[in-house]
Protein backbone atom coordinates (compact mmCIF):
# COMPACT_ATOMS: atom_id res chain seq x y z
CA MET A 1 -2.83 27.01 2.86
CA ASN A 2 -6.15 25.23 2.38
CA SER A 3 -6.73 22.90 5.35
CA GLU A 4 -7.76 20.14 2.96
CA ASN A 5 -4.19 20.03 1.67
CA GLU A 6 -2.76 19.52 5.15
CA LEU A 7 -2.08 16.42 7.19
CA ARG A 8 -3.59 16.70 10.68
CA ILE A 9 -2.69 14.38 13.56
CA GLU A 10 -4.47 14.65 16.90
CA GLU A 11 -4.77 12.65 20.08
CA ARG A 12 -8.20 11.37 20.99
CA PRO A 13 -9.07 9.02 23.87
CA GLY A 14 -7.80 5.60 22.79
CA TYR A 15 -6.92 6.68 19.25
CA LEU A 16 -4.46 8.57 17.14
CA TRP A 17 -6.72 10.39 14.69
CA ILE A 18 -5.05 11.19 11.36
CA THR A 19 -6.87 13.38 8.84
CA LEU A 20 -5.28 12.76 5.47
CA PRO A 21 -4.77 15.53 2.87
CA ASP A 22 -6.76 15.68 -0.37
CA ALA A 23 -4.19 13.52 -2.17
CA ILE A 24 -0.93 11.70 -1.43
CA THR A 25 1.67 11.66 -4.19
CA MET A 26 5.21 10.37 -4.64
CA TYR A 27 6.48 13.89 -3.95
CA ASP A 28 5.01 14.16 -0.47
CA ASN A 29 4.28 10.61 0.73
CA ARG A 30 7.68 10.16 2.44
CA ALA A 31 7.26 13.40 4.40
CA ILE A 32 3.71 12.41 5.35
CA GLU A 33 4.85 8.93 6.41
CA GLN A 34 7.67 10.39 8.51
CA LYS A 35 5.28 12.70 10.36
CA ILE A 36 2.88 9.84 11.03
CA GLY A 37 5.70 7.48 11.97
CA ASN A 38 7.07 9.92 14.53
CA ARG A 39 3.71 9.89 16.30
CA LEU A 40 3.23 6.11 16.02
CA ARG A 41 6.67 5.01 17.19
CA ASP A 42 5.96 4.90 20.93
CA ARG A 43 2.26 4.08 20.76
CA LYS A 44 0.45 0.78 21.15
CA ASP A 45 -3.16 1.82 20.76
CA HIS A 46 -5.32 2.25 17.67
CA VAL A 47 -5.20 4.50 14.64
CA VAL A 48 -7.99 6.16 12.69
CA LEU A 49 -7.40 7.41 9.15
CA ASP A 50 -9.92 10.13 8.30
CA PHE A 51 -10.67 10.42 4.55
CA SER A 52 -13.03 13.39 4.82
CA HIS A 53 -10.69 15.60 2.74
CA THR A 54 -9.33 12.90 0.45
CA ARG A 55 -10.69 13.29 -3.05
CA ALA A 56 -8.23 11.03 -4.87
CA LEU A 57 -6.38 7.94 -3.71
CA TYR A 58 -3.32 7.24 -5.81
CA SER A 59 -1.05 4.22 -5.52
CA SER A 60 1.27 6.24 -3.25
CA GLY A 61 -1.56 6.67 -0.75
CA LEU A 62 -2.52 3.01 -0.95
CA GLY A 63 1.05 1.97 -0.25
CA LEU A 64 1.17 4.32 2.75
CA MET A 65 -2.02 2.79 4.16
CA ILE A 66 -0.61 -0.72 3.88
CA ARG A 67 2.63 0.27 5.61
CA ILE A 68 0.75 1.98 8.46
CA ARG A 69 -1.45 -1.06 8.85
CA ARG A 70 1.55 -3.39 9.07
CA PHE A 71 3.33 -1.16 11.61
CA VAL A 72 0.26 -0.90 13.83
CA ALA A 73 -0.65 -4.60 13.53
CA GLU A 74 2.84 -5.58 14.70
CA ARG A 75 2.02 -3.72 17.93
CA ASN A 76 -1.36 -5.43 18.30
CA GLY A 77 -3.25 -2.30 17.29
CA THR A 78 -5.83 -1.74 14.58
CA VAL A 79 -6.42 0.77 11.80
CA SER A 80 -9.90 2.10 11.07
CA LEU A 81 -10.89 4.18 8.03
CA VAL A 82 -13.63 6.80 8.49
CA ASN A 83 -15.50 9.27 6.28
CA VAL A 84 -14.83 7.06 3.29
CA SER A 85 -16.72 8.16 0.17
CA GLU A 86 -18.70 5.60 -1.83
CA PRO A 87 -16.27 5.51 -4.80
CA VAL A 88 -13.28 4.96 -2.51
CA TYR A 89 -15.22 2.39 -0.48
CA ASN A 90 -16.11 0.49 -3.65
CA MET A 91 -12.44 0.46 -4.61
CA PHE A 92 -11.46 -0.86 -1.18
CA THR A 93 -14.01 -3.66 -1.31
CA ALA A 94 -13.00 -4.60 -4.86
CA LEU A 95 -9.44 -5.00 -3.53
CA ASN A 96 -10.69 -6.95 -0.48
CA LEU A 97 -9.28 -4.26 1.80
CA ASP A 98 -12.48 -4.38 3.83
CA LYS A 99 -11.08 -7.68 5.15
CA VAL A 100 -8.05 -5.99 6.72
CA PHE A 101 -9.37 -2.53 7.66
CA HIS A 102 -12.40 -1.42 9.65
CA ILE A 103 -14.18 0.91 7.20
CA TYR A 104 -16.89 3.43 8.17
CA ALA A 105 -18.84 5.86 6.01
CA THR A 106 -18.82 8.54 8.72
CA ASP A 107 -17.06 9.29 11.98
CA VAL A 108 -20.42 9.08 13.75
CA GLU A 109 -20.83 5.50 12.51
CA PHE A 110 -17.34 4.78 13.80
CA GLU A 111 -18.10 6.20 17.26
CA ILE A 112 -21.33 4.20 17.55
CA SER A 113 -19.55 1.00 16.52
CA GLN A 114 -17.04 1.16 19.38
CA ASP A 115 -19.40 -0.62 21.79
CA ASP A 116 -18.63 -3.88 20.00
CA PHE A 117 -15.14 -2.92 18.89
CA MET A 118 -13.39 -6.00 20.31
CA LYS A 119 -15.77 -8.29 18.46
CA LYS A 120 -15.05 -6.44 15.21
CA LYS A 121 -11.32 -6.55 15.89
CA GLU A 122 -11.36 -10.34 15.85
CA THR A 123 -12.83 -10.36 12.34
CA ILE A 124 -9.86 -8.52 10.85
CA GLY A 125 -7.33 -11.05 9.65
CA ARG A 126 -4.19 -11.32 7.61
CA LEU A 127 -3.65 -9.09 4.62
CA GLY A 128 -3.24 -12.11 2.33
CA PHE A 129 -2.00 -11.27 -1.15
CA LEU A 130 -2.85 -7.90 -2.70
CA PHE A 131 -2.05 -6.94 -6.29
CA VAL A 132 -3.23 -3.58 -7.57
CA ALA A 133 -2.32 -2.22 -11.02
CA LYS A 134 -3.38 1.30 -12.00
CA LEU A 135 -2.45 3.49 -14.94
CA GLU A 136 -1.69 6.97 -13.60
CA GLU A 137 -0.49 9.78 -15.87
CA GLY A 138 1.06 7.42 -18.41
CA VAL A 139 2.85 5.26 -15.84
CA TYR A 140 1.64 1.81 -14.77
CA ARG A 141 1.82 1.70 -10.97
CA ILE A 142 1.64 -1.70 -9.38
CA ASN A 143 1.28 -2.30 -5.65
CA ILE A 144 2.17 -5.76 -4.37
CA SER A 145 1.44 -6.22 -0.67
CA GLY A 146 0.99 -8.93 1.89
CA GLU A 147 2.20 -12.48 1.36
CA MET A 148 3.30 -13.31 -2.18
CA THR A 149 3.44 -17.04 -1.63
CA GLY A 150 1.98 -20.21 -3.10
CA GLU A 151 -0.56 -20.25 -0.28
CA PHE A 152 -2.51 -17.51 -2.05
CA ASP A 153 -3.97 -16.98 -5.51
CA LEU A 154 -1.28 -15.18 -7.53
CA SER A 155 -3.23 -15.17 -10.79
CA ALA A 156 -3.81 -11.38 -10.70
CA CYS A 157 -0.06 -10.95 -11.00
CA ARG A 158 0.52 -13.73 -13.52
CA GLU A 159 -2.31 -12.60 -15.79
CA MET A 160 -1.33 -8.94 -16.01
CA ARG A 161 -0.41 -7.91 -19.55
CA PRO A 162 1.57 -4.84 -20.71
CA ALA A 163 -0.44 -1.89 -21.99
CA ASP A 164 0.05 -0.37 -25.41
CA GLY A 165 2.05 2.84 -25.32
CA VAL A 166 3.20 2.47 -21.70
CA SER A 167 6.96 2.34 -21.23
CA LEU A 168 7.39 2.64 -17.44
CA TYR A 169 6.07 0.19 -14.84
CA LEU A 170 6.65 1.04 -11.17
CA PHE A 171 6.29 -1.73 -8.58
CA ASP A 172 5.65 -0.67 -4.97
CA LEU A 173 6.90 -3.53 -2.78
CA SER A 174 6.96 -1.59 0.50
CA GLY A 175 3.97 -3.54 1.84
CA LEU A 176 5.33 -6.97 0.91
CA GLU A 177 5.54 -9.15 4.03
CA ALA A 178 6.67 -12.50 2.61
CA VAL A 179 7.68 -14.07 -0.69
CA ASP A 180 8.57 -17.60 -1.74
CA GLY A 181 9.57 -19.34 -4.96
CA ALA A 182 6.03 -19.24 -6.36
CA GLY A 183 5.80 -15.50 -5.68
CA ALA A 184 9.18 -14.75 -7.23
CA GLU A 185 8.23 -16.83 -10.26
CA ALA A 186 4.98 -14.85 -10.67
CA LEU A 187 6.88 -11.55 -10.49
CA LEU A 188 9.47 -12.82 -12.96
CA GLU A 189 6.70 -13.85 -15.33
CA VAL A 190 4.97 -10.47 -15.41
CA THR A 191 8.24 -8.50 -15.65
CA LYS A 192 9.41 -10.77 -18.46
CA ASN A 193 6.23 -9.98 -20.41
CA ILE A 194 6.76 -6.26 -19.81
CA ALA A 195 10.39 -6.42 -20.93
CA ALA A 196 9.34 -8.29 -24.09
CA SER A 197 7.03 -5.35 -24.92
CA LYS A 198 9.97 -2.94 -24.49
CA GLY A 199 8.67 -1.74 -21.15
CA CYS A 200 10.93 -0.79 -18.25
CA CYS A 201 10.29 -2.36 -14.83
CA ARG A 202 11.43 -0.57 -11.66
CA ALA A 203 10.60 -1.65 -8.13
CA TYR A 204 11.03 0.23 -4.87
CA GLY A 205 10.55 -0.14 -1.14
CA ALA A 206 11.23 -3.87 -0.81
CA PRO A 207 12.22 -4.69 2.80
CA GLY A 208 15.77 -6.04 3.16
CA MET A 209 15.00 -9.74 3.52
CA ILE A 210 12.34 -9.57 0.80
CA LEU A 211 14.81 -7.92 -1.58
CA GLU A 212 17.44 -10.56 -0.84
CA THR A 213 14.95 -13.35 -1.44
CA LEU A 214 13.69 -11.88 -4.72
CA THR A 215 17.24 -11.37 -5.95
CA LEU A 216 18.29 -14.88 -4.91
CA LEU A 217 15.31 -16.34 -6.78
CA GLY A 218 16.10 -14.39 -9.95
CA ALA A 219 13.31 -11.81 -9.89
CA ASP A 220 15.86 -9.08 -10.67
CA LYS A 221 16.38 -10.42 -14.19
CA HIS A 222 13.94 -7.95 -15.72
CA VAL A 223 13.43 -5.43 -12.91
CA THR A 224 15.72 -2.82 -11.34
CA PHE A 225 15.34 -2.16 -7.62
CA PHE A 226 15.38 1.28 -5.96
CA SER A 227 15.05 2.45 -2.37
CA ASP A 228 12.10 4.81 -2.84
CA GLU A 229 9.39 5.85 -5.27
CA LYS A 230 10.94 9.12 -6.45
CA SER A 231 14.27 7.45 -7.26
CA ALA A 232 12.48 4.68 -9.14
CA TYR A 233 10.38 7.14 -11.11
CA GLU A 234 13.44 9.15 -12.09
CA GLY A 235 15.58 6.05 -12.67
CA ARG A 236 18.46 7.23 -10.50
CA SER A 237 20.61 5.53 -7.84
CA PRO A 238 19.46 1.91 -8.22
CA LEU A 239 20.30 -0.53 -5.42
CA GLY A 240 23.11 -3.03 -5.79
């Protein structure tokens, strides 16, 4: 098998170095996450995600990054991204992900930067609210991460409009950390617009308390919840 298609995880002094495969899809992201999770479970240090082989970053890969970041941050660690190509870097900055990840063009740049690592660590803050909508192979994939609350600008969610000819909208909520009434209202608004256009809304990965809150606040009126991406895509075994 081509090494660029393989996930590689290695121990380096002070870091768990993870070289990602060329692409992460809904068919392999759970297996990849499990392998990474097994190595992260008992660790409290820092993680480096190496993008040197990653040619395409789909919504599945973005969701995985957010989940890794949350897991590591809960243990007072950090996540750095290295060997990030210019197109991927531009996408990250457009999404404000440079505010929550340390991003380096090369691994050499990363190594040099470690002299003032603690100073850089202090500049990385909360994830805030992240809303990413991408049309991939005829399916609208929407990643909602961070804190979907009235404290943040939710206009990206509220202003999204259905696309002509698209019938399936998949919402990745696995990176959602908090939601309140304003957030649930924003989600209800966008899913209502999609339903009015005859689109089908399916969401997956919502943590237990987040799912309970969304359901209590009525966000399930136009969206069906699933446990994982593959089930949502195939429309089988909905929750509840």
